[in-house]
All heavy atoms as atom14 arrays in JSON, in Angstrom:
{
  "sequence": "ALKDQSAEVTRLTAELKERELQQAALVASVTQERDAAMAAVAEQQK",
  "atom14_mask": [
    [1, 1, 1, 1, 1, 0, 0, 0, 0, 0, 0, 0, 0, 0],
    [1, 1, 1, 1, 1, 1, 1, 1, 0, 0, 0, 0, 0, 0],
    [1, 1, 1, 1, 1, 1, 1, 1, 1, 0, 0, 0, 0, 0],
    [1, 1, 1, 1, 1, 1, 1, 1, 0, 0, 0, 0, 0, 0],
    [1, 1, 1, 1, 1, 1, 1, 1, 1, 0, 0, 0, 0, 0],
    [1, 1, 1, 1, 1, 1, 0, 0, 0, 0, 0, 0, 0, 0],
    [1, 1, 1, 1, 1, 0, 0, 0, 0, 0, 0, 0, 0, 0],
    [1, 1, 1, 1, 1, 1, 1, 1, 1, 0, 0, 0, 0, 0],
    [1, 1, 1, 1, 1, 1, 1, 0, 0, 0, 0, 0, 0, 0],
    [1, 1, 1, 1, 1, 1, 1, 0, 0, 0, 0, 0, 0, 0],
    [1, 1, 1, 1, 1, 1, 1, 1, 1, 1, 1, 0, 0, 0],
    [1, 1, 1, 1, 1, 1, 1, 1, 0, 0, 0, 0, 0, 0],
    [1, 1, 1, 1, 1, 1, 1, 0, 0, 0, 0, 0, 0, 0],
    [1, 1, 1, 1, 1, 0, 0, 0, 0, 0, 0, 0, 0, 0],
    [1, 1, 1, 1, 1, 1, 1, 1, 1, 0, 0, 0, 0, 0],
    [1, 1, 1, 1, 1, 1, 1, 1, 0, 0, 0, 0, 0, 0],
    [1, 1, 1, 1, 1, 1, 1, 1, 1, 0, 0, 0, 0, 0],
    [1, 1, 1, 1, 1, 1, 1, 1, 1, 0, 0, 0, 0, 0],
    [1, 1, 1, 1, 1, 1, 1, 1, 1, 1, 1, 0, 0, 0],
    [1, 1, 1, 1, 1, 1, 1, 1, 1, 0, 0, 0, 0, 0],
    [1, 1, 1, 1, 1, 1, 1, 1, 0, 0, 0, 0, 0, 0],
    [1, 1, 1, 1, 1, 1, 1, 1, 1, 0, 0, 0, 0, 0],
    [1, 1, 1, 1, 1, 1, 1, 1, 1, 0, 0, 0, 0, 0],
    [1, 1, 1, 1, 1, 0, 0, 0, 0, 0, 0, 0, 0, 0],
    [1, 1, 1, 1, 1, 0, 0, 0, 0, 0, 0, 0, 0, 0],
    [1, 1, 1, 1, 1, 1, 1, 1, 0, 0, 0, 0, 0, 0],
    [1, 1, 1, 1, 1, 1, 1, 0, 0, 0, 0, 0, 0, 0],
    [1, 1, 1, 1, 1, 0, 0, 0, 0, 0, 0, 0, 0, 0],
    [1, 1, 1, 1, 1, 1, 0, 0, 0, 0, 0, 0, 0, 0],
    [1, 1, 1, 1, 1, 1, 1, 0, 0, 0, 0, 0, 0, 0],
    [1, 1, 1, 1, 1, 1, 1, 0, 0, 0, 0, 0, 0, 0],
    [1, 1, 1, 1, 1, 1, 1, 1, 1, 0, 0, 0, 0, 0],
    [1, 1, 1, 1, 1, 1, 1, 1, 1, 0, 0, 0, 0, 0],
    [1, 1, 1, 1, 1, 1, 1, 1, 1, 1, 1, 0, 0, 0],
    [1, 1, 1, 1, 1, 1, 1, 1, 0, 0, 0, 0, 0, 0],
    [1, 1, 1, 1, 1, 0, 0, 0, 0, 0, 0, 0, 0, 0],
    [1, 1, 1, 1, 1, 0, 0, 0, 0, 0, 0, 0, 0, 0],
    [1, 1, 1, 1, 1, 1, 1, 1, 0, 0, 0, 0, 0, 0],
    [1, 1, 1, 1, 1, 0, 0, 0, 0, 0, 0, 0, 0, 0],
    [1, 1, 1, 1, 1, 0, 0, 0, 0, 0, 0, 0, 0, 0],
    [1, 1, 1, 1, 1, 1, 1, 0, 0, 0, 0, 0, 0, 0],
    [1, 1, 1, 1, 1, 0, 0, 0, 0, 0, 0, 0, 0, 0],
    [1, 1, 1, 1, 1, 1, 1, 1, 1, 0, 0, 0, 0, 0],
    [1, 1, 1, 1, 1, 1, 1, 1, 1, 0, 0, 0, 0, 0],
    [1, 1, 1, 1, 1, 1, 1, 1, 1, 0, 0, 0, 0, 0],
    [1, 1, 1, 1, 1, 1, 1, 1, 1, 0, 0, 0, 0, 0]
  ],
  "atom14_positions": [
    [[-15.38, 16.94, 25.14], [-14.34, 17.24, 24.17], [-13.47, 16.01, 23.88], [-13.12, 15.73, 22.73], [-13.46, 18.39, 24.66], [0.0, 0.0, 0.0], [0.0, 0.0, 0.0], [0.0, 0.0, 0.0], [0.0, 0.0, 0.0], [0.0, 0.0, 0.0], [0.0, 0.0, 0.0], [0.0, 0.0, 0.0], [0.0, 0.0, 0.0], [0.0, 0.0, 0.0]],
    [[-13.14, 15.3, 24.94], [-12.33, 14.09, 24.77], [-13.06, 13.04, 23.94], [-12.47, 12.37, 23.08], [-11.95, 13.51, 26.14], [-10.91, 14.31, 26.94], [-10.78, 13.73, 28.35], [-9.56, 14.31, 26.24], [0.0, 0.0, 0.0], [0.0, 0.0, 0.0], [0.0, 0.0, 0.0], [0.0, 0.0, 0.0], [0.0, 0.0, 0.0], [0.0, 0.0, 0.0]],
    [[-14.35, 12.89, 24.19], [-15.14, 11.93, 23.42], [-15.19, 12.34, 21.94], [-15.1, 11.5, 21.05], [-16.55, 11.83, 23.99], [-16.61, 11.09, 25.33], [-18.05, 11.03, 25.84], [-18.11, 10.29, 27.17], [-19.49, 10.24, 27.71], [0.0, 0.0, 0.0], [0.0, 0.0, 0.0], [0.0, 0.0, 0.0], [0.0, 0.0, 0.0], [0.0, 0.0, 0.0]],
    [[-15.36, 13.63, 21.68], [-15.4, 14.13, 20.3], [-14.06, 13.87, 19.59], [-14.03, 13.43, 18.43], [-15.71, 15.62, 20.27], [-17.14, 15.91, 20.67], [-17.95, 14.96, 20.66], [-17.43, 17.08, 21.0], [0.0, 0.0, 0.0], [0.0, 0.0, 0.0], [0.0, 0.0, 0.0], [0.0, 0.0, 0.0], [0.0, 0.0, 0.0], [0.0, 0.0, 0.0]],
    [[-12.97, 14.16, 20.29], [-11.65, 13.9, 19.71], [-11.44, 12.43, 19.42], [-10.92, 12.04, 18.38], [-10.55, 14.41, 20.65], [-10.47, 15.92, 20.79], [-9.38, 16.35, 21.75], [-8.33, 15.73, 21.81], [-9.65, 17.41, 22.52], [0.0, 0.0, 0.0], [0.0, 0.0, 0.0], [0.0, 0.0, 0.0], [0.0, 0.0, 0.0], [0.0, 0.0, 0.0]],
    [[-11.87, 11.6, 20.35], [-11.72, 10.16, 20.18], [-12.5, 9.67, 18.96], [-12.02, 8.86, 18.17], [-12.19, 9.43, 21.44], [-12.06, 8.03, 21.27], [0.0, 0.0, 0.0], [0.0, 0.0, 0.0], [0.0, 0.0, 0.0], [0.0, 0.0, 0.0], [0.0, 0.0, 0.0], [0.0, 0.0, 0.0], [0.0, 0.0, 0.0], [0.0, 0.0, 0.0]],
    [[-13.73, 10.2, 18.79], [-14.54, 9.8, 17.64], [-13.9, 10.24, 16.33], [-13.9, 9.5, 15.34], [-15.94, 10.41, 17.78], [0.0, 0.0, 0.0], [0.0, 0.0, 0.0], [0.0, 0.0, 0.0], [0.0, 0.0, 0.0], [0.0, 0.0, 0.0], [0.0, 0.0, 0.0], [0.0, 0.0, 0.0], [0.0, 0.0, 0.0], [0.0, 0.0, 0.0]],
    [[-13.34, 11.46, 16.31], [-12.69, 11.96, 15.09], [-11.46, 11.16, 14.74], [-11.23, 10.79, 13.57], [-12.33, 13.44, 15.27], [-11.63, 14.08, 14.07], [-12.5, 14.15, 12.84], [-13.73, 13.9, 12.93], [-11.96, 14.44, 11.76], [0.0, 0.0, 0.0], [0.0, 0.0, 0.0], [0.0, 0.0, 0.0], [0.0, 0.0, 0.0], [0.0, 0.0, 0.0]],
    [[-10.64, 10.85, 15.74], [-9.43, 10.06, 15.49], [-9.81, 8.66, 15.02], [-9.17, 8.08, 14.14], [-8.55, 10.0, 16.76], [-7.38, 9.04, 16.55], [-8.03, 11.39, 17.11], [0.0, 0.0, 0.0], [0.0, 0.0, 0.0], [0.0, 0.0, 0.0], [0.0, 0.0, 0.0], [0.0, 0.0, 0.0], [0.0, 0.0, 0.0], [0.0, 0.0, 0.0]],
    [[-10.86, 8.1, 15.61], [-11.33, 6.77, 15.18], [-11.77, 6.79, 13.72], [-11.46, 5.88, 12.94], [-12.49, 6.31, 16.07], [-12.05, 6.24, 17.43], [-13.0, 4.94, 15.64], [0.0, 0.0, 0.0], [0.0, 0.0, 0.0], [0.0, 0.0, 0.0], [0.0, 0.0, 0.0], [0.0, 0.0, 0.0], [0.0, 0.0, 0.0], [0.0, 0.0, 0.0]],
    [[-12.5, 7.86, 13.33], [-12.94, 7.99, 11.94], [-11.75, 8.11, 10.98], [-11.69, 7.43, 9.95], [-13.85, 9.21, 11.8], [-14.43, 9.41, 10.41], [-15.17, 10.73, 10.3], [-14.26, 11.87, 10.4], [-13.51, 12.31, 9.39], [-13.52, 11.69, 8.22], [-12.72, 13.35, 9.56], [0.0, 0.0, 0.0], [0.0, 0.0, 0.0], [0.0, 0.0, 0.0]],
    [[-10.79, 8.96, 11.33], [-9.61, 9.14, 10.48], [-8.81, 7.85, 10.36], [-8.29, 7.51, 9.3], [-8.73, 10.25, 11.04], [-9.31, 11.67, 10.96], [-8.38, 12.66, 11.66], [-9.53, 12.09, 9.52], [0.0, 0.0, 0.0], [0.0, 0.0, 0.0], [0.0, 0.0, 0.0], [0.0, 0.0, 0.0], [0.0, 0.0, 0.0], [0.0, 0.0, 0.0]],
    [[-8.71, 7.11, 11.46], [-7.96, 5.86, 11.44], [-8.63, 4.84, 10.52], [-7.95, 4.1, 9.8], [-7.84, 5.29, 12.87], [-7.19, 6.25, 13.7], [-7.04, 4.0, 12.87], [0.0, 0.0, 0.0], [0.0, 0.0, 0.0], [0.0, 0.0, 0.0], [0.0, 0.0, 0.0], [0.0, 0.0, 0.0], [0.0, 0.0, 0.0], [0.0, 0.0, 0.0]],
    [[-9.95, 4.82, 10.54], [-10.67, 3.9, 9.65], [-10.4, 4.25, 8.19], [-10.19, 3.36, 7.35], [-12.16, 3.97, 9.95], [0.0, 0.0, 0.0], [0.0, 0.0, 0.0], [0.0, 0.0, 0.0], [0.0, 0.0, 0.0], [0.0, 0.0, 0.0], [0.0, 0.0, 0.0], [0.0, 0.0, 0.0], [0.0, 0.0, 0.0], [0.0, 0.0, 0.0]],
    [[-10.41, 5.54, 7.88], [-10.11, 5.97, 6.51], [-8.68, 5.59, 6.13], [-8.42, 5.15, 5.0], [-10.29, 7.48, 6.38], [-11.73, 7.94, 6.49], [-11.86, 9.45, 6.35], [-10.81, 10.12, 6.2], [-13.0, 9.97, 6.38], [0.0, 0.0, 0.0], [0.0, 0.0, 0.0], [0.0, 0.0, 0.0], [0.0, 0.0, 0.0], [0.0, 0.0, 0.0]],
    [[-7.74, 5.78, 7.06], [-6.35, 5.44, 6.78], [-6.18, 3.95, 6.54], [-5.39, 3.52, 5.68], [-5.46, 5.89, 7.95], [-5.23, 7.4, 8.06], [-4.53, 7.73, 9.36], [-4.4, 7.92, 6.87], [0.0, 0.0, 0.0], [0.0, 0.0, 0.0], [0.0, 0.0, 0.0], [0.0, 0.0, 0.0], [0.0, 0.0, 0.0], [0.0, 0.0, 0.0]],
    [[-6.9, 3.14, 7.32], [-6.79, 1.68, 7.14], [-7.35, 1.25, 5.79], [-6.82, 0.34, 5.15], [-7.5, 0.96, 8.28], [-6.75, 1.06, 9.6], [-7.42, 0.23, 10.7], [-6.58, 0.28, 11.97], [-7.2, -0.5, 13.07], [0.0, 0.0, 0.0], [0.0, 0.0, 0.0], [0.0, 0.0, 0.0], [0.0, 0.0, 0.0], [0.0, 0.0, 0.0]],
    [[-8.41, 1.93, 5.34], [-8.94, 1.65, 4.0], [-7.92, 2.04, 2.93], [-7.7, 1.3, 1.96], [-10.24, 2.42, 3.79], [-10.9, 2.2, 2.44], [-11.36, 0.77, 2.23], [-11.64, 0.08, 3.23], [-11.44, 0.34, 1.06], [0.0, 0.0, 0.0], [0.0, 0.0, 0.0], [0.0, 0.0, 0.0], [0.0, 0.0, 0.0], [0.0, 0.0, 0.0]],
    [[-7.31, 3.2, 3.13], [-6.26, 3.62, 2.2], [-5.08, 2.66, 2.23], [-4.47, 2.35, 1.21], [-5.8, 5.03, 2.55], [-4.84, 5.63, 1.51], [-4.17, 6.88, 2.04], [-5.12, 7.87, 2.53], [-4.74, 8.98, 3.16], [-3.46, 9.22, 3.39], [-5.64, 9.84, 3.58], [0.0, 0.0, 0.0], [0.0, 0.0, 0.0], [0.0, 0.0, 0.0]],
    [[-4.74, 2.17, 3.41], [-3.63, 1.22, 3.55], [-3.87, -0.04, 2.73], [-2.97, -0.56, 2.06], [-3.44, 0.86, 5.02], [-2.3, -0.14, 5.25], [-2.27, -0.65, 6.68], [-3.32, -0.61, 7.35], [-1.2, -1.11, 7.11], [0.0, 0.0, 0.0], [0.0, 0.0, 0.0], [0.0, 0.0, 0.0], [0.0, 0.0, 0.0], [0.0, 0.0, 0.0]],
    [[-5.11, -0.55, 2.77], [-5.44, -1.75, 2.0], [-5.25, -1.51, 0.5], [-4.69, -2.35, -0.22], [-6.88, -2.17, 2.28], [-7.18, -2.71, 3.69], [-8.67, -2.98, 3.86], [-6.38, -3.98, 3.96], [0.0, 0.0, 0.0], [0.0, 0.0, 0.0], [0.0, 0.0, 0.0], [0.0, 0.0, 0.0], [0.0, 0.0, 0.0], [0.0, 0.0, 0.0]],
    [[-5.71, -0.35, 0.03], [-5.57, -0.03, -1.39], [-4.1, 0.12, -1.78], [-3.66, -0.38, -2.82], [-6.34, 1.25, -1.71], [-7.84, 1.14, -1.49], [-8.54, 2.48, -1.66], [-7.91, 3.51, -1.86], [-9.88, 2.47, -1.58], [0.0, 0.0, 0.0], [0.0, 0.0, 0.0], [0.0, 0.0, 0.0], [0.0, 0.0, 0.0], [0.0, 0.0, 0.0]],
    [[-3.34, 0.82, -0.94], [-1.93, 1.05, -1.26], [-1.13, -0.26, -1.17], [-0.21, -0.48, -1.96], [-1.35, 2.09, -0.3], [-1.89, 3.48, -0.54], [-1.4, 4.5, 0.48], [-1.01, 4.13, 1.58], [-1.43, 5.77, 0.13], [0.0, 0.0, 0.0], [0.0, 0.0, 0.0], [0.0, 0.0, 0.0], [0.0, 0.0, 0.0], [0.0, 0.0, 0.0]],
    [[-1.47, -1.12, -0.23], [-0.78, -2.4, -0.11], [-1.03, -3.26, -1.35], [-0.12, -3.93, -1.85], [-1.24, -3.14, 1.15], [0.0, 0.0, 0.0], [0.0, 0.0, 0.0], [0.0, 0.0, 0.0], [0.0, 0.0, 0.0], [0.0, 0.0, 0.0], [0.0, 0.0, 0.0], [0.0, 0.0, 0.0], [0.0, 0.0, 0.0], [0.0, 0.0, 0.0]],
    [[-2.27, -3.21, -1.87], [-2.58, -3.95, -3.1], [-1.78, -3.41, -4.27], [-1.26, -4.17, -5.11], [-4.08, -3.87, -3.38], [0.0, 0.0, 0.0], [0.0, 0.0, 0.0], [0.0, 0.0, 0.0], [0.0, 0.0, 0.0], [0.0, 0.0, 0.0], [0.0, 0.0, 0.0], [0.0, 0.0, 0.0], [0.0, 0.0, 0.0], [0.0, 0.0, 0.0]],
    [[-1.66, -2.07, -4.35], [-0.88, -1.46, -5.43], [0.59, -1.85, -5.32], [1.22, -2.21, -6.32], [-1.03, 0.06, -5.37], [-0.15, 0.86, -6.35], [-0.5, 0.5, -7.78], [-0.32, 2.36, -6.11], [0.0, 0.0, 0.0], [0.0, 0.0, 0.0], [0.0, 0.0, 0.0], [0.0, 0.0, 0.0], [0.0, 0.0, 0.0], [0.0, 0.0, 0.0]],
    [[1.14, -1.8, -4.12], [2.54, -2.17, -3.92], [2.78, -3.63, -4.32], [3.78, -3.96, -4.95], [2.97, -1.92, -2.46], [4.33, -2.55, -2.19], [3.01, -0.44, -2.17], [0.0, 0.0, 0.0], [0.0, 0.0, 0.0], [0.0, 0.0, 0.0], [0.0, 0.0, 0.0], [0.0, 0.0, 0.0], [0.0, 0.0, 0.0], [0.0, 0.0, 0.0]],
    [[1.84, -4.51, -3.95], [1.98, -5.92, -4.31], [1.99, -6.1, -5.82], [2.8, -6.88, -6.37], [0.84, -6.72, -3.69], [0.0, 0.0, 0.0], [0.0, 0.0, 0.0], [0.0, 0.0, 0.0], [0.0, 0.0, 0.0], [0.0, 0.0, 0.0], [0.0, 0.0, 0.0], [0.0, 0.0, 0.0], [0.0, 0.0, 0.0], [0.0, 0.0, 0.0]],
    [[1.12, -5.36, -6.51], [1.06, -5.45, -7.97], [2.35, -4.93, -8.61], [2.92, -5.56, -9.5], [-0.14, -4.67, -8.5], [-0.16, -4.63, -9.91], [0.0, 0.0, 0.0], [0.0, 0.0, 0.0], [0.0, 0.0, 0.0], [0.0, 0.0, 0.0], [0.0, 0.0, 0.0], [0.0, 0.0, 0.0], [0.0, 0.0, 0.0], [0.0, 0.0, 0.0]],
    [[2.79, -3.76, -8.14], [4.01, -3.17, -8.69], [5.23, -4.03, -8.36], [6.17, -4.11, -9.15], [4.19, -1.73, -8.17], [5.5, -1.14, -8.66], [3.04, -0.86, -8.61], [0.0, 0.0, 0.0], [0.0, 0.0, 0.0], [0.0, 0.0, 0.0], [0.0, 0.0, 0.0], [0.0, 0.0, 0.0], [0.0, 0.0, 0.0], [0.0, 0.0, 0.0]],
    [[5.22, -4.68, -7.21], [6.33, -5.56, -6.83], [6.46, -6.7, -7.83], [7.56, -7.07, -8.23], [6.12, -6.11, -5.41], [6.08, -5.03, -4.48], [7.25, -7.05, -5.03], [0.0, 0.0, 0.0], [0.0, 0.0, 0.0], [0.0, 0.0, 0.0], [0.0, 0.0, 0.0], [0.0, 0.0, 0.0], [0.0, 0.0, 0.0], [0.0, 0.0, 0.0]],
    [[5.32, -7.26, -8.23], [5.35, -8.34, -9.23], [5.92, -7.82, -10.56], [6.74, -8.5, -11.2], [3.94, -8.89, -9.44], [3.39, -9.67, -8.25], [2.0, -10.22, -8.5], [1.32, -9.81, -9.46], [1.57, -11.15, -7.68], [0.0, 0.0, 0.0], [0.0, 0.0, 0.0], [0.0, 0.0, 0.0], [0.0, 0.0, 0.0], [0.0, 0.0, 0.0]],
    [[5.49, -6.63, -10.96], [6.01, -6.04, -12.19], [7.52, -5.79, -12.07], [8.28, -6.05, -13.0], [5.29, -4.73, -12.5], [3.81, -4.89, -12.8], [3.14, -3.55, -13.06], [3.86, -2.55, -13.19], [1.9, -3.51, -13.13], [0.0, 0.0, 0.0], [0.0, 0.0, 0.0], [0.0, 0.0, 0.0], [0.0, 0.0, 0.0], [0.0, 0.0, 0.0]],
    [[7.93, -5.27, -10.92], [9.36, -5.01, -10.7], [10.18, -6.28, -10.77], [11.21, -6.36, -11.46], [9.55, -4.35, -9.34], [11.0, -4.05, -8.97], [11.19, -3.96, -7.48], [10.89, -5.22, -6.82], [10.96, -5.4, -5.51], [11.27, -4.41, -4.72], [10.67, -6.6, -4.99], [0.0, 0.0, 0.0], [0.0, 0.0, 0.0], [0.0, 0.0, 0.0]],
    [[9.72, -7.33, -10.08], [10.45, -8.6, -10.06], [10.53, -9.21, -11.46], [11.57, -9.74, -11.86], [9.78, -9.58, -9.1], [9.89, -9.12, -7.65], [10.72, -8.23, -7.37], [9.16, -9.66, -6.79], [0.0, 0.0, 0.0], [0.0, 0.0, 0.0], [0.0, 0.0, 0.0], [0.0, 0.0, 0.0], [0.0, 0.0, 0.0], [0.0, 0.0, 0.0]],
    [[9.42, -9.12, -12.2], [9.42, -9.67, -13.57], [10.38, -8.88, -14.46], [11.12, -9.47, -15.26], [8.0, -9.63, -14.14], [0.0, 0.0, 0.0], [0.0, 0.0, 0.0], [0.0, 0.0, 0.0], [0.0, 0.0, 0.0], [0.0, 0.0, 0.0], [0.0, 0.0, 0.0], [0.0, 0.0, 0.0], [0.0, 0.0, 0.0], [0.0, 0.0, 0.0]],
    [[10.37, -7.56, -14.32], [11.27, -6.72, -15.13], [12.73, -6.98, -14.77], [13.6, -7.06, -15.64], [10.93, -5.24, -14.93], [0.0, 0.0, 0.0], [0.0, 0.0, 0.0], [0.0, 0.0, 0.0], [0.0, 0.0, 0.0], [0.0, 0.0, 0.0], [0.0, 0.0, 0.0], [0.0, 0.0, 0.0], [0.0, 0.0, 0.0], [0.0, 0.0, 0.0]],
    [[13.02, -7.12, -13.47], [14.39, -7.4, -13.05], [14.87, -8.75, -13.58], [16.01, -8.88, -14.02], [14.46, -7.37, -11.51], [14.29, -5.99, -10.91], [14.27, -5.99, -9.09], [15.95, -6.51, -8.75], [0.0, 0.0, 0.0], [0.0, 0.0, 0.0], [0.0, 0.0, 0.0], [0.0, 0.0, 0.0], [0.0, 0.0, 0.0], [0.0, 0.0, 0.0]],
    [[13.98, -9.75, -13.55], [14.35, -11.07, -14.08], [14.61, -11.01, -15.59], [15.56, -11.61, -16.09], [13.24, -12.08, -13.77], [0.0, 0.0, 0.0], [0.0, 0.0, 0.0], [0.0, 0.0, 0.0], [0.0, 0.0, 0.0], [0.0, 0.0, 0.0], [0.0, 0.0, 0.0], [0.0, 0.0, 0.0], [0.0, 0.0, 0.0], [0.0, 0.0, 0.0]],
    [[13.76, -10.25, -16.3], [13.93, -10.12, -17.76], [15.23, -9.4, -18.08], [15.96, -9.8, -19.0], [12.74, -9.38, -18.35], [0.0, 0.0, 0.0], [0.0, 0.0, 0.0], [0.0, 0.0, 0.0], [0.0, 0.0, 0.0], [0.0, 0.0, 0.0], [0.0, 0.0, 0.0], [0.0, 0.0, 0.0], [0.0, 0.0, 0.0], [0.0, 0.0, 0.0]],
    [[15.55, -8.34, -17.34], [16.8, -7.61, -17.56], [18.0, -8.51, -17.28], [18.99, -8.5, -18.01], [16.85, -6.35, -16.67], [18.26, -5.75, -16.64], [15.87, -5.3, -17.19], [0.0, 0.0, 0.0], [0.0, 0.0, 0.0], [0.0, 0.0, 0.0], [0.0, 0.0, 0.0], [0.0, 0.0, 0.0], [0.0, 0.0, 0.0], [0.0, 0.0, 0.0]],
    [[17.92, -9.32, -16.22], [19.02, -10.23, -15.89], [19.25, -11.24, -17.01], [20.39, -11.52, -17.38], [18.72, -10.95, -14.58], [0.0, 0.0, 0.0], [0.0, 0.0, 0.0], [0.0, 0.0, 0.0], [0.0, 0.0, 0.0], [0.0, 0.0, 0.0], [0.0, 0.0, 0.0], [0.0, 0.0, 0.0], [0.0, 0.0, 0.0], [0.0, 0.0, 0.0]],
    [[18.16, -11.77, -17.56], [18.28, -12.73, -18.67], [18.87, -12.05, -19.9], [19.72, -12.62, -20.59], [16.9, -13.32, -19.0], [16.39, -14.33, -18.0], [17.31, -15.54, -17.89], [17.76, -16.05, -18.93], [17.59, -15.97, -16.76], [0.0, 0.0, 0.0], [0.0, 0.0, 0.0], [0.0, 0.0, 0.0], [0.0, 0.0, 0.0], [0.0, 0.0, 0.0]],
    [[18.42, -10.82, -20.17], [18.95, -10.09, -21.33], [20.42, -9.79, -21.13], [21.21, -9.84, -22.09], [18.15, -8.81, -21.55], [18.49, -8.06, -22.83], [18.05, -8.79, -24.09], [17.36, -9.8, -24.02], [18.49, -8.31, -25.23], [0.0, 0.0, 0.0], [0.0, 0.0, 0.0], [0.0, 0.0, 0.0], [0.0, 0.0, 0.0], [0.0, 0.0, 0.0]],
    [[20.82, -9.45, -19.91], [22.23, -9.2, -19.62], [23.08, -10.44, -19.88], [24.18, -10.36, -20.43], [22.38, -8.74, -18.17], [21.92, -7.31, -17.93], [21.94, -6.93, -16.47], [21.82, -7.78, -15.59], [22.08, -5.63, -16.2], [0.0, 0.0, 0.0], [0.0, 0.0, 0.0], [0.0, 0.0, 0.0], [0.0, 0.0, 0.0], [0.0, 0.0, 0.0]],
    [[22.56, -11.61, -19.49], [23.27, -12.87, -19.76], [23.42, -13.08, -21.27], [24.47, -13.52, -21.74], [22.51, -14.03, -19.14], [22.55, -14.08, -17.62], [21.78, -15.3, -17.1], [21.78, -15.35, -15.58], [21.0, -16.51, -15.08], [0.0, 0.0, 0.0], [0.0, 0.0, 0.0], [0.0, 0.0, 0.0], [0.0, 0.0, 0.0], [0.0, 0.0, 0.0]]
  ]
}
């Protein structure tokens, strides 16, 4: 039973790490958009 649980948790962790890579890439992309928008708004405010 312990071995089965360990295998299942290992599988789920691998899926989560794959999801983490995708979400980290999305956050990096959106961060660039956010920073660009904030800079543009600051210039427009000036």
